[in-house]
Amino acid sequence: MSESATRRRGPVRGWLAAHPGDVVDVFVYVVVLNLAIEYFPAVISESFTLSLLTALLLKVALEGVIRLKSVILARRRAATGRAGRWLAVLALWVVAAGSKLVVLWLVDLVFGDDVSLGGFIPVTVLVVCLLLSRAGVRRLLGEVG
């Protein structure tokens, strides 16, 4: 879609038209998050609206993590020495563990006590479920990635 077409349609409509997969991801995240809220006492949201906003926050945060991991993996593949490859593996581990802490911090910063994703282990399980569900729905719909 051209930049002028995006400006004519407005920023929200242009984004929705350009990235329908992202909208589907948010819907998947809302479903998984609300199932977690229903079945796991450590995961709390005071309302459906907050769970929807949490899903949006998770979408943005996880997209950033996925892009960062892609960059690190590309550097690992490009590394010629053993030290460079091991440094990339260490960076991947730091991003994988640190991203969960960042998600917990962001949720606490934005929503305070109204939303809780539990601790490190519950949020790790939640993120894995979110990403697996996203991949499953994308595969079901015929998208790659």
C-alpha atoms as a PDB file:
ATOM      1  CA  MET A   1       0.000   0.000   0.000  1.00  0.00           C
ATOM      2  CA  SER A   2       1.393   3.385  -0.944  1.00  0.00           C
ATOM      3  CA  GLU A   3       2.100   6.072   1.610  1.00  0.00           C
ATOM      4  CA  SER A   4      -0.483   8.416   0.088  1.00  0.00           C
ATOM      5  CA  ALA A   5      -3.151   5.691   0.299  1.00  0.00           C
ATOM      6  CA  THR A   6      -2.326   5.220   3.975  1.00  0.00           C
ATOM      7  CA  ARG A   7      -2.669   8.958   4.605  1.00  0.00           C
ATOM      8  CA  ARG A   8      -6.041   9.120   2.841  1.00  0.00           C
ATOM      9  CA  ARG A   9      -7.423   6.214   4.853  1.00  0.00           C
ATOM     10  CA  GLY A  10      -6.122   7.498   8.172  1.00  0.00           C
ATOM     11  CA  PRO A  11      -3.527   5.918  10.447  1.00  0.00           C
ATOM     12  CA  VAL A  12      -5.785   3.283  12.039  1.00  0.00           C
ATOM     13  CA  ARG A  13      -7.561   2.134   8.890  1.00  0.00           C
ATOM     14  CA  GLY A  14      -4.272   2.136   6.983  1.00  0.00           C
ATOM     15  CA  TRP A  15      -2.632  -0.011   9.670  1.00  0.00           C
ATOM     16  CA  LEU A  16      -5.542  -2.447   9.760  1.00  0.00           C
ATOM     17  CA  ALA A  17      -5.565  -2.770   5.999  1.00  0.00           C
ATOM     18  CA  ALA A  18      -1.796  -3.227   5.842  1.00  0.00           C
ATOM     19  CA  HIS A  19      -1.496  -5.769   8.684  1.00  0.00           C
ATOM     20  CA  PRO A  20      -4.573  -7.971   9.089  1.00  0.00           C
ATOM     21  CA  GLY A  21      -2.410 -10.705  10.633  1.00  0.00           C
ATOM     22  CA  ASP A  22      -1.648  -8.396  13.539  1.00  0.00           C
ATOM     23  CA  VAL A  23      -5.372  -7.983  14.243  1.00  0.00           C
ATOM     24  CA  VAL A  24      -5.799 -11.761  14.212  1.00  0.00           C
ATOM     25  CA  ASP A  25      -2.819 -12.054  16.586  1.00  0.00           C
ATOM     26  CA  VAL A  26      -4.459  -9.666  19.054  1.00  0.00           C
ATOM     27  CA  PHE A  27      -7.698 -11.654  18.919  1.00  0.00           C
ATOM     28  CA  VAL A  28      -5.751 -14.865  19.559  1.00  0.00           C
ATOM     29  CA  TYR A  29      -3.919 -13.193  22.449  1.00  0.00           C
ATOM     30  CA  VAL A  30      -7.245 -12.029  23.959  1.00  0.00           C
ATOM     31  CA  VAL A  31      -8.649 -15.565  23.843  1.00  0.00           C
ATOM     32  CA  VAL A  32      -5.528 -17.173  25.328  1.00  0.00           C
ATOM     33  CA  LEU A  33      -5.176 -14.456  27.972  1.00  0.00           C
ATOM     34  CA  ASN A  34      -8.809 -14.775  29.041  1.00  0.00           C
ATOM     35  CA  LEU A  35      -8.498 -18.577  29.224  1.00  0.00           C
ATOM     36  CA  ALA A  36      -5.457 -18.079  31.455  1.00  0.00           C
ATOM     37  CA  ILE A  37      -7.439 -15.626  33.592  1.00  0.00           C
ATOM     38  CA  GLU A  38     -10.241 -18.144  33.930  1.00  0.00           C
ATOM     39  CA  TYR A  39      -8.134 -21.188  34.773  1.00  0.00           C
ATOM     40  CA  PHE A  40      -5.025 -19.862  36.561  1.00  0.00           C
ATOM     41  CA  PRO A  41      -5.511 -17.869  39.761  1.00  0.00           C
ATOM     42  CA  ALA A  42      -2.150 -16.089  39.373  1.00  0.00           C
ATOM     43  CA  VAL A  43      -3.336 -14.403  36.153  1.00  0.00           C
ATOM     44  CA  ILE A  44      -5.769 -11.595  36.943  1.00  0.00           C
ATOM     45  CA  SER A  45      -7.555  -8.916  34.957  1.00  0.00           C
ATOM     46  CA  GLU A  46     -10.253  -6.731  36.456  1.00  0.00           C
ATOM     47  CA  SER A  47     -12.254  -6.493  33.211  1.00  0.00           C
ATOM     48  CA  PHE A  48     -12.469  -7.668  29.630  1.00  0.00           C
ATOM     49  CA  THR A  49     -11.399  -4.207  28.468  1.00  0.00           C
ATOM     50  CA  LEU A  50      -8.223  -4.499  30.508  1.00  0.00           C
ATOM     51  CA  SER A  51      -7.567  -7.968  29.100  1.00  0.00           C
ATOM     52  CA  LEU A  52      -7.974  -6.562  25.575  1.00  0.00           C
ATOM     53  CA  LEU A  53      -5.569  -3.722  26.347  1.00  0.00           C
ATOM     54  CA  THR A  54      -3.175  -6.228  27.931  1.00  0.00           C
ATOM     55  CA  ALA A  55      -3.334  -8.328  24.756  1.00  0.00           C
ATOM     56  CA  LEU A  56      -2.421  -5.227  22.728  1.00  0.00           C
ATOM     57  CA  LEU A  57       0.488  -4.515  25.057  1.00  0.00           C
ATOM     58  CA  LEU A  58       1.624  -8.140  24.792  1.00  0.00           C
ATOM     59  CA  LYS A  59       1.401  -7.970  20.993  1.00  0.00           C
ATOM     60  CA  VAL A  60       3.653  -4.904  20.869  1.00  0.00           C
ATOM     61  CA  ALA A  61       6.119  -6.305  23.411  1.00  0.00           C
ATOM     62  CA  LEU A  62       6.319  -9.756  21.824  1.00  0.00           C
ATOM     63  CA  GLU A  63       6.762  -8.316  18.330  1.00  0.00           C
ATOM     64  CA  GLY A  64       9.730  -6.351  19.650  1.00  0.00           C
ATOM     65  CA  VAL A  65      11.189  -9.484  21.241  1.00  0.00           C
ATOM     66  CA  ILE A  66      10.661 -11.518  18.066  1.00  0.00           C
ATOM     67  CA  ARG A  67      12.421  -8.868  15.973  1.00  0.00           C
ATOM     68  CA  LEU A  68      15.285  -8.634  18.451  1.00  0.00           C
ATOM     69  CA  LYS A  69      15.682 -12.429  18.425  1.00  0.00           C
ATOM     70  CA  SER A  70      15.718 -12.381  14.601  1.00  0.00           C
ATOM     71  CA  VAL A  71      18.533  -9.835  14.625  1.00  0.00           C
ATOM     72  CA  ILE A  72      20.531 -11.911  17.122  1.00  0.00           C
ATOM     73  CA  LEU A  73      19.973 -15.105  15.110  1.00  0.00           C
ATOM     74  CA  ALA A  74      21.130 -13.342  11.941  1.00  0.00           C
ATOM     75  CA  ARG A  75      24.291 -12.216  13.735  1.00  0.00           C
ATOM     76  CA  ARG A  76      24.828 -15.754  15.021  1.00  0.00           C
ATOM     77  CA  ARG A  77      24.593 -17.124  11.482  1.00  0.00           C
ATOM     78  CA  ALA A  78      26.978 -14.427  10.246  1.00  0.00           C
ATOM     79  CA  ALA A  79      29.509 -15.009  13.041  1.00  0.00           C
ATOM     80  CA  THR A  80      32.683 -16.624  11.819  1.00  0.00           C
ATOM     81  CA  GLY A  81      34.282 -17.521  15.129  1.00  0.00           C
ATOM     82  CA  ARG A  82      33.214 -19.674  18.011  1.00  0.00           C
ATOM     83  CA  ALA A  83      33.223 -16.725  20.400  1.00  0.00           C
ATOM     84  CA  GLY A  84      30.811 -14.773  18.201  1.00  0.00           C
ATOM     85  CA  ARG A  85      28.402 -17.695  18.001  1.00  0.00           C
ATOM     86  CA  TRP A  86      28.505 -18.269  21.771  1.00  0.00           C
ATOM     87  CA  LEU A  87      28.026 -14.565  22.404  1.00  0.00           C
ATOM     88  CA  ALA A  88      24.904 -14.676  20.216  1.00  0.00           C
ATOM     89  CA  VAL A  89      23.624 -17.720  22.122  1.00  0.00           C
ATOM     90  CA  LEU A  90      24.186 -15.865  25.395  1.00  0.00           C
ATOM     91  CA  ALA A  91      22.387 -12.818  23.982  1.00  0.00           C
ATOM     92  CA  LEU A  92      19.453 -15.026  22.958  1.00  0.00           C
ATOM     93  CA  TRP A  93      19.244 -16.442  26.472  1.00  0.00           C
ATOM     94  CA  VAL A  94      19.343 -12.943  28.003  1.00  0.00           C
ATOM     95  CA  VAL A  95      16.598 -11.740  25.643  1.00  0.00           C
ATOM     96  CA  ALA A  96      14.473 -14.852  26.263  1.00  0.00           C
ATOM     97  CA  ALA A  97      14.664 -14.509  30.044  1.00  0.00           C
ATOM     98  CA  GLY A  98      14.761 -10.723  30.158  1.00  0.00           C
ATOM     99  CA  SER A  99      11.766 -10.319  27.888  1.00  0.00           C
ATOM    100  CA  LYS A 100       9.529 -12.011  30.458  1.00  0.00           C
ATOM    101  CA  LEU A 101      10.724  -9.589  33.122  1.00  0.00           C
ATOM    102  CA  VAL A 102      10.129  -6.670  30.750  1.00  0.00           C
ATOM    103  CA  VAL A 103       6.590  -7.923  30.050  1.00  0.00           C
ATOM    104  CA  LEU A 104       5.875  -8.170  33.787  1.00  0.00           C
ATOM    105  CA  TRP A 105       7.295  -4.681  34.329  1.00  0.00           C
ATOM    106  CA  LEU A 106       5.305  -3.166  31.439  1.00  0.00           C
ATOM    107  CA  VAL A 107       2.040  -4.724  32.623  1.00  0.00           C
ATOM    108  CA  ASP A 108       2.680  -3.442  36.143  1.00  0.00           C
ATOM    109  CA  LEU A 109       3.652   0.005  34.854  1.00  0.00           C
ATOM    110  CA  VAL A 110       0.629   0.390  32.583  1.00  0.00           C
ATOM    111  CA  PHE A 111      -2.099  -1.400  34.552  1.00  0.00           C
ATOM    112  CA  GLY A 112      -0.839  -1.518  38.133  1.00  0.00           C
ATOM    113  CA  ASP A 113      -2.806  -3.862  40.393  1.00  0.00           C
ATOM    114  CA  ASP A 114      -5.690  -4.171  37.901  1.00  0.00           C
ATOM    115  CA  VAL A 115      -3.787  -6.761  35.842  1.00  0.00           C
ATOM    116  CA  SER A 116      -1.373  -9.431  37.039  1.00  0.00           C
ATOM    117  CA  LEU A 117       0.284 -12.075  34.899  1.00  0.00           C
ATOM    118  CA  GLY A 118       1.660 -13.908  37.924  1.00  0.00           C
ATOM    119  CA  GLY A 119       5.394 -14.270  38.282  1.00  0.00           C
ATOM    120  CA  PHE A 120       8.209 -15.332  36.004  1.00  0.00           C
ATOM    121  CA  ILE A 121       7.046 -18.943  35.510  1.00  0.00           C
ATOM    122  CA  PRO A 122       3.352 -18.128  34.798  1.00  0.00           C
ATOM    123  CA  VAL A 123       4.274 -15.364  32.356  1.00  0.00           C
ATOM    124  CA  THR A 124       6.753 -17.680  30.626  1.00  0.00           C
ATOM    125  CA  VAL A 125       4.051 -20.332  30.188  1.00  0.00           C
ATOM    126  CA  LEU A 126       1.609 -17.642  29.024  1.00  0.00           C
ATOM    127  CA  VAL A 127       4.049 -16.262  26.443  1.00  0.00           C
ATOM    128  CA  VAL A 128       4.805 -19.740  25.114  1.00  0.00           C
ATOM    129  CA  CYS A 129       1.044 -20.434  24.827  1.00  0.00           C
ATOM    130  CA  LEU A 130       0.498 -17.084  23.103  1.00  0.00           C
ATOM    131  CA  LEU A 131       3.224 -17.719  20.541  1.00  0.00           C
ATOM    132  CA  LEU A 132       2.157 -21.325  19.896  1.00  0.00           C
ATOM    133  CA  SER A 133      -1.476 -20.253  19.487  1.00  0.00           C
ATOM    134  CA  ARG A 134      -0.457 -17.455  17.165  1.00  0.00           C
ATOM    135  CA  ALA A 135       1.593 -19.848  15.045  1.00  0.00           C
ATOM    136  CA  GLY A 136      -1.257 -22.389  14.995  1.00  0.00           C
ATOM    137  CA  VAL A 137      -3.845 -19.842  13.877  1.00  0.00           C
ATOM    138  CA  ARG A 138      -1.520 -18.404  11.253  1.00  0.00           C
ATOM    139  CA  ARG A 139      -0.875 -21.900   9.938  1.00  0.00           C
ATOM    140  CA  LEU A 140      -4.613 -22.648   9.964  1.00  0.00           C
ATOM    141  CA  LEU A 141      -5.243 -19.477   7.964  1.00  0.00           C
ATOM    142  CA  GLY A 142      -2.470 -20.334   5.510  1.00  0.00           C
ATOM    143  CA  GLU A 143       0.011 -17.656   6.514  1.00  0.00           C
ATOM    144  CA  VAL A 144       3.682 -18.321   6.953  1.00  0.00           C
ATOM    145  CA  GLY A 145       5.565 -16.748   9.888  1.00  0.00           C
END
